[in-house]
């Protein structure tokens, strides 16, 4: 009873069946017929076997948290047939520094035995999310130079 149930179908077979059509697939005719994925456990949003989270038993996803932070979503292997119970979420607030968040993501995925080939993509996605959450600086007003600056100075005095 201590053993948990494994999926009866291989991951490769699931991919071959779901590859042409699935709920996460986004096809674009422009750009050479690009195919993207809306899968929440897909780090690169590419429609490929490597990044497909719904196919892999151990998948990783990174999303923005509610208040300027990052949330790491991992797929548990214990409850493969129960979609509501097979996700684990870990959040880092926006108060933490970037390197601490990235190190936390790497450590969590490494200690839990998640795929090493996705660690770099997970850190890159977290970095992009953190960059998008920073407030944009206003552009300074351009200074007048040359004859226009002299004319403006004469008008001011």
N, C-alpha and C. Protein backbone atom coordinates (compact mmCIF):
# COMPACT_ATOMS: atom_id res chain seq x y z
N UNK A 1 0.80 -1.20 0.00
CA UNK A 1 0.00 0.00 0.00
C UNK A 1 0.84 1.27 0.00
N UNK A 2 2.11 1.15 0.38
CA UNK A 2 2.97 2.32 0.44
C UNK A 2 3.34 2.81 -0.96
N UNK A 3 3.26 1.96 -1.93
CA UNK A 3 3.60 2.36 -3.29
C UNK A 3 2.49 3.22 -3.88
N UNK A 4 2.86 4.22 -4.64
CA UNK A 4 1.87 5.03 -5.31
C UNK A 4 1.70 4.55 -6.75
N UNK A 5 0.57 4.88 -7.31
CA UNK A 5 0.25 4.38 -8.65
C UNK A 5 1.05 5.11 -9.72
N UNK A 6 1.57 4.38 -10.66
CA UNK A 6 2.23 4.95 -11.81
C UNK A 6 1.22 5.01 -12.96
N UNK A 7 1.48 5.89 -13.89
CA UNK A 7 0.62 5.98 -15.06
C UNK A 7 0.79 4.72 -15.90
N UNK A 8 -0.31 4.23 -16.44
CA UNK A 8 -0.27 3.03 -17.26
C UNK A 8 0.19 3.31 -18.69
N UNK A 9 0.23 4.58 -19.06
CA UNK A 9 0.57 4.96 -20.43
C UNK A 9 1.90 5.71 -20.40
N UNK A 10 2.76 5.44 -21.33
CA UNK A 10 4.06 6.11 -21.35
C UNK A 10 3.90 7.58 -21.77
N UNK A 11 4.86 8.37 -21.36
CA UNK A 11 4.83 9.80 -21.67
C UNK A 11 4.98 10.03 -23.18
N UNK A 12 5.77 9.19 -23.83
CA UNK A 12 5.97 9.34 -25.27
C UNK A 12 4.69 9.05 -26.05
N UNK A 13 3.94 8.07 -25.61
CA UNK A 13 2.68 7.75 -26.27
C UNK A 13 1.67 8.88 -26.09
N UNK A 14 1.61 9.45 -24.89
CA UNK A 14 0.71 10.58 -24.64
C UNK A 14 1.08 11.74 -25.55
N UNK A 15 2.38 12.01 -25.70
CA UNK A 15 2.80 13.11 -26.57
C UNK A 15 2.43 12.85 -28.02
N UNK A 16 2.65 11.64 -28.50
CA UNK A 16 2.34 11.34 -29.90
C UNK A 16 0.84 11.45 -30.17
N UNK A 17 0.03 11.13 -29.20
CA UNK A 17 -1.43 11.23 -29.38
C UNK A 17 -1.88 12.68 -29.31
N UNK A 18 -1.34 13.44 -28.37
CA UNK A 18 -1.80 14.82 -28.14
C UNK A 18 -1.05 15.87 -28.95
N UNK A 19 -0.01 15.49 -29.63
CA UNK A 19 0.82 16.47 -30.34
C UNK A 19 0.06 17.26 -31.40
N UNK A 20 -0.72 16.61 -32.27
CA UNK A 20 -1.37 17.42 -33.33
C UNK A 20 -2.47 18.34 -32.80
N UNK A 21 -3.18 17.91 -31.78
CA UNK A 21 -4.29 18.71 -31.25
C UNK A 21 -4.39 18.51 -29.74
N UNK A 22 -4.37 19.60 -29.01
CA UNK A 22 -4.67 19.56 -27.58
C UNK A 22 -5.16 20.93 -27.15
N UNK A 23 -5.64 21.04 -25.93
CA UNK A 23 -6.25 22.27 -25.46
C UNK A 23 -5.24 23.41 -25.30
N UNK A 24 -3.97 23.10 -25.14
CA UNK A 24 -2.97 24.12 -24.92
C UNK A 24 -2.31 24.61 -26.21
N UNK A 25 -2.55 23.96 -27.31
CA UNK A 25 -1.87 24.27 -28.57
C UNK A 25 -2.41 25.56 -29.18
N UNK A 26 -1.49 26.43 -29.60
CA UNK A 26 -1.84 27.67 -30.29
C UNK A 26 -1.09 27.67 -31.62
N UNK A 27 -1.83 27.63 -32.71
CA UNK A 27 -1.22 27.61 -34.03
C UNK A 27 -1.34 28.99 -34.66
N UNK A 28 -0.25 29.45 -35.25
CA UNK A 28 -0.22 30.72 -35.95
C UNK A 28 0.21 30.49 -37.39
N UNK A 29 -0.55 31.07 -38.32
CA UNK A 29 -0.19 30.93 -39.73
C UNK A 29 0.91 31.91 -40.10
N UNK A 30 0.94 33.06 -39.41
CA UNK A 30 2.02 34.01 -39.68
C UNK A 30 3.29 33.52 -39.01
N UNK A 31 4.40 33.97 -39.50
CA UNK A 31 5.68 33.57 -38.92
C UNK A 31 6.07 32.15 -39.24
N UNK A 32 5.67 31.66 -40.38
CA UNK A 32 6.07 30.33 -40.80
C UNK A 32 5.29 29.21 -40.14
N UNK A 33 4.09 29.47 -39.67
CA UNK A 33 3.28 28.42 -39.06
C UNK A 33 3.76 28.02 -37.68
N UNK A 34 4.11 29.01 -36.86
CA UNK A 34 4.63 28.73 -35.52
C UNK A 34 3.57 28.08 -34.66
N UNK A 35 4.03 27.21 -33.75
CA UNK A 35 3.14 26.56 -32.80
C UNK A 35 3.62 26.86 -31.39
N UNK A 36 2.70 27.37 -30.56
CA UNK A 36 3.01 27.71 -29.18
C UNK A 36 2.11 26.93 -28.25
N UNK A 37 2.39 27.02 -26.96
CA UNK A 37 1.62 26.29 -25.96
C UNK A 37 1.21 27.23 -24.83
N UNK A 38 0.00 27.05 -24.34
CA UNK A 38 -0.50 27.81 -23.19
C UNK A 38 -0.47 26.99 -21.91
N UNK A 39 0.22 25.90 -21.94
CA UNK A 39 0.32 25.01 -20.79
C UNK A 39 0.96 25.76 -19.62
N UNK A 40 0.33 25.76 -18.43
CA UNK A 40 0.92 26.49 -17.29
C UNK A 40 2.24 25.88 -16.81
N UNK A 41 2.51 24.64 -17.16
CA UNK A 41 3.77 24.00 -16.77
C UNK A 41 4.77 23.98 -17.91
N UNK A 42 4.60 24.84 -18.89
CA UNK A 42 5.51 24.95 -20.03
C UNK A 42 6.34 26.22 -19.84
N UNK A 43 7.62 26.08 -19.61
CA UNK A 43 8.48 27.23 -19.29
C UNK A 43 8.74 28.14 -20.48
N UNK A 44 8.84 27.58 -21.67
CA UNK A 44 9.21 28.38 -22.83
C UNK A 44 8.03 28.71 -23.74
N UNK A 45 6.85 28.19 -23.44
CA UNK A 45 5.65 28.36 -24.26
C UNK A 45 5.85 27.85 -25.68
N UNK A 46 6.73 26.88 -25.85
CA UNK A 46 6.94 26.23 -27.14
C UNK A 46 6.18 24.92 -27.15
N UNK A 47 5.62 24.60 -28.30
CA UNK A 47 4.91 23.33 -28.44
C UNK A 47 5.94 22.27 -28.81
N UNK A 48 6.56 21.70 -27.77
CA UNK A 48 7.55 20.65 -28.01
C UNK A 48 7.49 19.64 -26.87
N UNK A 49 8.01 18.47 -27.14
CA UNK A 49 7.96 17.37 -26.16
C UNK A 49 8.74 17.72 -24.90
N UNK A 50 9.84 18.40 -25.06
CA UNK A 50 10.70 18.73 -23.93
C UNK A 50 10.00 19.63 -22.91
N UNK A 51 9.23 20.60 -23.38
CA UNK A 51 8.63 21.59 -22.49
C UNK A 51 7.18 21.30 -22.14
N UNK A 52 6.56 20.29 -22.71
CA UNK A 52 5.14 20.01 -22.48
C UNK A 52 4.94 19.51 -21.05
N UNK A 53 4.29 20.31 -20.22
CA UNK A 53 4.10 19.95 -18.83
C UNK A 53 3.01 18.91 -18.62
N UNK A 54 2.01 18.90 -19.47
CA UNK A 54 0.92 17.93 -19.28
C UNK A 54 1.35 16.53 -19.65
N UNK A 55 2.45 16.38 -20.37
CA UNK A 55 2.94 15.07 -20.79
C UNK A 55 3.92 14.50 -19.76
N UNK A 56 4.83 15.33 -19.28
CA UNK A 56 5.90 14.87 -18.39
C UNK A 56 5.39 14.65 -16.97
N UNK A 57 5.86 13.59 -16.33
CA UNK A 57 5.47 13.31 -14.95
C UNK A 57 6.06 14.32 -13.98
N UNK A 58 7.25 14.82 -14.27
CA UNK A 58 7.87 15.84 -13.44
C UNK A 58 8.03 17.09 -14.28
N UNK A 59 7.18 18.07 -14.03
CA UNK A 59 7.19 19.30 -14.81
C UNK A 59 7.31 20.49 -13.87
N UNK A 60 7.81 21.61 -14.40
CA UNK A 60 8.04 22.82 -13.63
C UNK A 60 7.42 23.99 -14.37
N UNK A 61 6.79 24.90 -13.63
CA UNK A 61 6.24 26.12 -14.21
C UNK A 61 6.54 27.31 -13.32
N UNK A 62 6.75 28.47 -13.92
CA UNK A 62 7.03 29.70 -13.18
C UNK A 62 5.99 30.73 -13.61
N UNK A 63 5.35 31.37 -12.60
CA UNK A 63 4.32 32.38 -12.88
C UNK A 63 4.51 33.57 -11.95
N UNK A 64 4.00 34.74 -12.33
CA UNK A 64 4.07 35.87 -11.41
C UNK A 64 3.16 35.66 -10.21
N UNK A 65 3.62 36.08 -9.05
CA UNK A 65 2.81 35.99 -7.84
C UNK A 65 1.90 37.22 -7.77
N UNK A 66 1.04 37.26 -6.78
CA UNK A 66 0.07 38.34 -6.67
C UNK A 66 0.73 39.70 -6.50
N UNK A 67 1.69 39.79 -5.59
CA UNK A 67 2.31 41.08 -5.31
C UNK A 67 3.80 41.05 -5.64
N UNK A 68 4.13 41.28 -6.88
CA UNK A 68 5.52 41.44 -7.33
C UNK A 68 6.44 40.33 -6.86
N UNK A 69 6.04 39.13 -7.02
CA UNK A 69 6.87 38.00 -6.67
C UNK A 69 6.82 36.95 -7.76
N UNK A 70 7.33 35.77 -7.44
CA UNK A 70 7.38 34.67 -8.39
C UNK A 70 6.84 33.42 -7.70
N UNK A 71 6.07 32.63 -8.44
CA UNK A 71 5.54 31.37 -7.93
C UNK A 71 6.07 30.23 -8.77
N UNK A 72 6.61 29.22 -8.09
CA UNK A 72 7.10 28.01 -8.73
C UNK A 72 6.03 26.94 -8.57
N UNK A 73 5.58 26.38 -9.69
CA UNK A 73 4.59 25.31 -9.66
C UNK A 73 5.27 24.04 -10.16
N UNK A 74 5.17 23.00 -9.36
CA UNK A 74 5.75 21.72 -9.74
C UNK A 74 4.66 20.66 -9.77
N UNK A 75 4.86 19.68 -10.60
CA UNK A 75 3.91 18.59 -10.75
C UNK A 75 4.37 17.42 -9.91
N UNK A 76 3.50 16.92 -9.05
CA UNK A 76 3.83 15.78 -8.20
C UNK A 76 3.66 14.49 -8.99
N UNK A 77 4.48 13.53 -8.70
CA UNK A 77 4.34 12.23 -9.36
C UNK A 77 3.42 11.31 -8.59
N UNK A 78 3.04 11.69 -7.39
CA UNK A 78 2.24 10.81 -6.53
C UNK A 78 0.79 10.70 -6.99
N UNK A 79 0.22 11.80 -7.41
CA UNK A 79 -1.20 11.81 -7.78
C UNK A 79 -1.36 12.13 -9.27
N UNK A 80 -0.91 11.26 -10.13
CA UNK A 80 -0.96 11.53 -11.56
C UNK A 80 -2.39 11.58 -12.09
N UNK A 81 -3.27 10.79 -11.51
CA UNK A 81 -4.64 10.71 -12.01
C UNK A 81 -5.58 11.67 -11.29
N UNK A 82 -5.06 12.52 -10.41
CA UNK A 82 -5.88 13.51 -9.71
C UNK A 82 -5.31 14.90 -10.00
N UNK A 83 -5.80 15.55 -11.02
CA UNK A 83 -5.21 16.84 -11.44
C UNK A 83 -5.26 17.92 -10.37
N UNK A 84 -6.29 17.91 -9.52
CA UNK A 84 -6.37 18.95 -8.50
C UNK A 84 -5.34 18.76 -7.40
N UNK A 85 -4.88 17.54 -7.20
CA UNK A 85 -3.96 17.25 -6.10
C UNK A 85 -2.53 17.05 -6.56
N UNK A 86 -2.25 17.18 -7.83
CA UNK A 86 -0.89 16.86 -8.26
C UNK A 86 -0.02 18.08 -8.54
N UNK A 87 -0.37 19.24 -7.99
CA UNK A 87 0.46 20.42 -8.16
C UNK A 87 0.90 20.95 -6.80
N UNK A 88 2.13 21.42 -6.76
CA UNK A 88 2.68 22.01 -5.55
C UNK A 88 3.16 23.41 -5.91
N UNK A 89 2.86 24.39 -5.06
CA UNK A 89 3.23 25.78 -5.33
C UNK A 89 4.13 26.31 -4.24
N UNK A 90 5.19 27.00 -4.64
CA UNK A 90 6.09 27.68 -3.72
C UNK A 90 6.22 29.11 -4.23
N UNK A 91 6.05 30.09 -3.33
CA UNK A 91 6.10 31.49 -3.75
C UNK A 91 7.24 32.22 -3.06
N UNK A 92 7.82 33.17 -3.79
CA UNK A 92 8.79 34.09 -3.24
C UNK A 92 8.23 35.48 -3.45
N UNK A 93 8.29 36.31 -2.40
CA UNK A 93 7.73 37.65 -2.49
C UNK A 93 8.68 38.57 -3.26
N UNK A 94 8.18 39.72 -3.61
CA UNK A 94 9.00 40.70 -4.31
C UNK A 94 10.05 41.33 -3.41
N UNK A 95 9.96 41.11 -2.10
CA UNK A 95 10.92 41.67 -1.16
C UNK A 95 12.28 40.97 -1.25
N UNK A 96 12.28 39.72 -1.70
CA UNK A 96 13.54 38.96 -1.82
C UNK A 96 14.34 39.48 -3.00
N UNK A 97 15.64 39.36 -2.90
CA UNK A 97 16.48 39.78 -4.01
C UNK A 97 16.42 38.72 -5.12
N UNK A 98 16.76 39.13 -6.32
CA UNK A 98 16.72 38.23 -7.47
C UNK A 98 17.57 36.98 -7.31
N UNK A 99 18.84 37.12 -6.94
CA UNK A 99 19.67 35.93 -6.79
C UNK A 99 19.15 34.93 -5.74
N UNK A 100 18.53 35.44 -4.68
CA UNK A 100 17.97 34.53 -3.67
C UNK A 100 16.80 33.73 -4.25
N UNK A 101 16.00 34.39 -5.06
CA UNK A 101 14.87 33.69 -5.69
C UNK A 101 15.39 32.64 -6.66
N UNK A 102 16.37 33.01 -7.47
CA UNK A 102 16.90 32.07 -8.46
C UNK A 102 17.56 30.88 -7.79
N UNK A 103 18.29 31.14 -6.71
CA UNK A 103 18.93 30.05 -5.98
C UNK A 103 17.87 29.15 -5.34
N UNK A 104 16.78 29.75 -4.85
CA UNK A 104 15.69 28.96 -4.28
C UNK A 104 15.04 28.06 -5.31
N UNK A 105 14.86 28.57 -6.51
CA UNK A 105 14.28 27.76 -7.59
C UNK A 105 15.19 26.60 -7.93
N UNK A 106 16.48 26.87 -8.08
CA UNK A 106 17.44 25.82 -8.43
C UNK A 106 17.51 24.78 -7.31
N UNK A 107 17.59 25.23 -6.06
CA UNK A 107 17.69 24.30 -4.94
C UNK A 107 16.43 23.45 -4.81
N UNK A 108 15.26 24.06 -4.97
CA UNK A 108 14.02 23.30 -4.83
C UNK A 108 13.90 22.22 -5.91
N UNK A 109 14.17 22.60 -7.13
CA UNK A 109 14.04 21.62 -8.21
C UNK A 109 15.12 20.54 -8.12
N UNK A 110 16.32 20.88 -7.65
CA UNK A 110 17.39 19.89 -7.54
C UNK A 110 17.11 18.91 -6.40
N UNK A 111 16.69 19.42 -5.26
CA UNK A 111 16.46 18.55 -4.10
C UNK A 111 15.25 17.65 -4.28
N UNK A 112 14.27 18.12 -5.03
CA UNK A 112 13.08 17.32 -5.27
C UNK A 112 13.24 16.37 -6.45
N UNK A 113 14.37 16.45 -7.13
CA UNK A 113 14.65 15.52 -8.23
C UNK A 113 13.96 15.88 -9.53
N UNK A 114 13.68 17.16 -9.76
CA UNK A 114 13.07 17.56 -11.02
C UNK A 114 14.12 17.65 -12.10
N UNK A 115 13.69 17.76 -13.31
CA UNK A 115 14.57 17.66 -14.46
C UNK A 115 15.62 18.77 -14.47
N UNK A 116 16.87 18.38 -14.57
CA UNK A 116 17.99 19.32 -14.54
C UNK A 116 18.03 20.16 -15.81
N UNK A 117 17.50 19.65 -16.91
CA UNK A 117 17.55 20.40 -18.17
C UNK A 117 16.60 21.58 -18.17
N UNK A 118 15.68 21.67 -17.20
CA UNK A 118 14.74 22.78 -17.15
C UNK A 118 15.15 23.87 -16.16
N UNK A 119 16.23 23.65 -15.42
CA UNK A 119 16.61 24.62 -14.38
C UNK A 119 17.00 25.97 -14.98
N UNK A 120 17.78 25.96 -16.02
CA UNK A 120 18.22 27.22 -16.63
C UNK A 120 17.02 27.99 -17.21
N UNK A 121 16.10 27.27 -17.84
CA UNK A 121 14.91 27.92 -18.38
C UNK A 121 14.02 28.47 -17.28
N UNK A 122 13.94 27.77 -16.15
CA UNK A 122 13.13 28.24 -15.03
C UNK A 122 13.70 29.52 -14.44
N UNK A 123 15.01 29.58 -14.31
CA UNK A 123 15.65 30.79 -13.78
C UNK A 123 15.49 31.93 -14.77
N UNK A 124 15.62 31.66 -16.06
CA UNK A 124 15.45 32.70 -17.07
C UNK A 124 14.03 33.25 -17.06
N UNK A 125 13.05 32.37 -16.90
CA UNK A 125 11.65 32.82 -16.86
C UNK A 125 11.39 33.65 -15.61
N UNK A 126 11.92 33.22 -14.47
CA UNK A 126 11.76 33.98 -13.23
C UNK A 126 12.41 35.36 -13.37
N UNK A 127 13.56 35.41 -14.00
CA UNK A 127 14.25 36.68 -14.22
C UNK A 127 13.43 37.61 -15.10
N UNK A 128 12.84 37.07 -16.16
CA UNK A 128 12.02 37.89 -17.05
C UNK A 128 10.77 38.40 -16.33
N UNK A 129 10.18 37.57 -15.48
CA UNK A 129 9.00 38.00 -14.73
C UNK A 129 9.38 39.10 -13.76
N UNK A 130 10.52 38.93 -13.06
CA UNK A 130 10.98 39.96 -12.11
C UNK A 130 11.26 41.27 -12.85
N UNK A 131 11.86 41.19 -14.03
CA UNK A 131 12.16 42.39 -14.81
C UNK A 131 10.88 43.10 -15.24
N UNK A 132 9.86 42.33 -15.57
CA UNK A 132 8.59 42.95 -16.01
C UNK A 132 7.83 43.58 -14.85
N UNK A 133 8.12 43.17 -13.63
CA UNK A 133 7.43 43.71 -12.47
C UNK A 133 8.04 45.00 -11.95
N UNK A 134 9.23 45.35 -12.43
CA UNK A 134 9.87 46.58 -11.99
C UNK A 134 9.15 47.77 -12.63
N UNK A 135 8.98 48.86 -11.86
CA UNK A 135 8.33 50.04 -12.46
C UNK A 135 9.24 50.67 -13.50
N UNK A 136 8.63 51.18 -14.56
CA UNK A 136 9.41 51.79 -15.63
C UNK A 136 9.76 53.22 -15.24
N UNK A 137 11.00 53.60 -15.53
CA UNK A 137 11.45 54.95 -15.23
C UNK A 137 10.99 55.89 -16.33
N UNK A 138 10.64 57.10 -15.92
CA UNK A 138 10.23 58.11 -16.89
C UNK A 138 11.47 58.61 -17.64
N UNK A 139 11.31 58.86 -18.91
CA UNK A 139 12.41 59.40 -19.69
C UNK A 139 12.61 60.86 -19.30
N UNK A 140 13.85 61.29 -19.09
CA UNK A 140 14.07 62.69 -18.75
C UNK A 140 13.76 63.59 -19.95
N UNK A 141 13.35 64.80 -19.65
CA UNK A 141 13.03 65.73 -20.73
C UNK A 141 14.33 66.10 -21.44
N UNK A 142 14.34 66.04 -22.76
CA UNK A 142 15.60 66.32 -23.48
C UNK A 142 16.02 67.78 -23.29
N UNK A 143 17.30 67.98 -23.07
CA UNK A 143 17.83 69.32 -22.89
C UNK A 143 18.06 69.96 -24.26
N UNK A 144 17.76 71.25 -24.33
CA UNK A 144 18.01 71.98 -25.57
C UNK A 144 19.49 72.30 -25.66
N UNK A 145 20.02 72.18 -26.85
CA UNK A 145 21.44 72.42 -27.05
C UNK A 145 21.63 73.39 -28.23
N UNK A 146 22.72 74.05 -28.22
CA UNK A 146 23.07 74.93 -29.32
C UNK A 146 22.26 76.21 -29.35
N UNK A 147 21.85 76.62 -30.55
CA UNK A 147 21.16 77.89 -30.71
C UNK A 147 19.78 77.88 -30.05
N UNK A 148 19.12 76.73 -30.01
CA UNK A 148 17.80 76.66 -29.36
C UNK A 148 17.93 76.91 -27.86
N UNK A 149 18.99 76.44 -27.25
CA UNK A 149 19.19 76.67 -25.81
C UNK A 149 19.45 78.14 -25.54
N UNK A 150 20.19 78.80 -26.40
CA UNK A 150 20.48 80.24 -26.22
C UNK A 150 19.20 81.05 -26.36
N UNK A 151 18.36 80.71 -27.33
CA UNK A 151 17.10 81.44 -27.52
C UNK A 151 16.16 81.24 -26.33
N UNK A 152 16.09 80.04 -25.81
CA UNK A 152 15.24 79.75 -24.67
C UNK A 152 15.74 80.48 -23.43
N UNK A 153 17.06 80.62 -23.28
CA UNK A 153 17.64 81.32 -22.14
C UNK A 153 17.35 82.81 -22.23
N UNK A 154 17.39 83.37 -23.45
CA UNK A 154 17.11 84.79 -23.63
C UNK A 154 15.64 85.11 -23.33
N UNK A 155 14.74 84.21 -23.70
CA UNK A 155 13.32 84.39 -23.42
C UNK A 155 13.03 84.33 -21.92
N UNK A 156 13.77 83.49 -21.23
CA UNK A 156 13.54 83.30 -19.78
C UNK A 156 14.02 84.52 -19.00
N UNK A 157 14.99 85.24 -19.52
CA UNK A 157 15.51 86.38 -18.77
C UNK A 157 14.90 87.69 -19.18
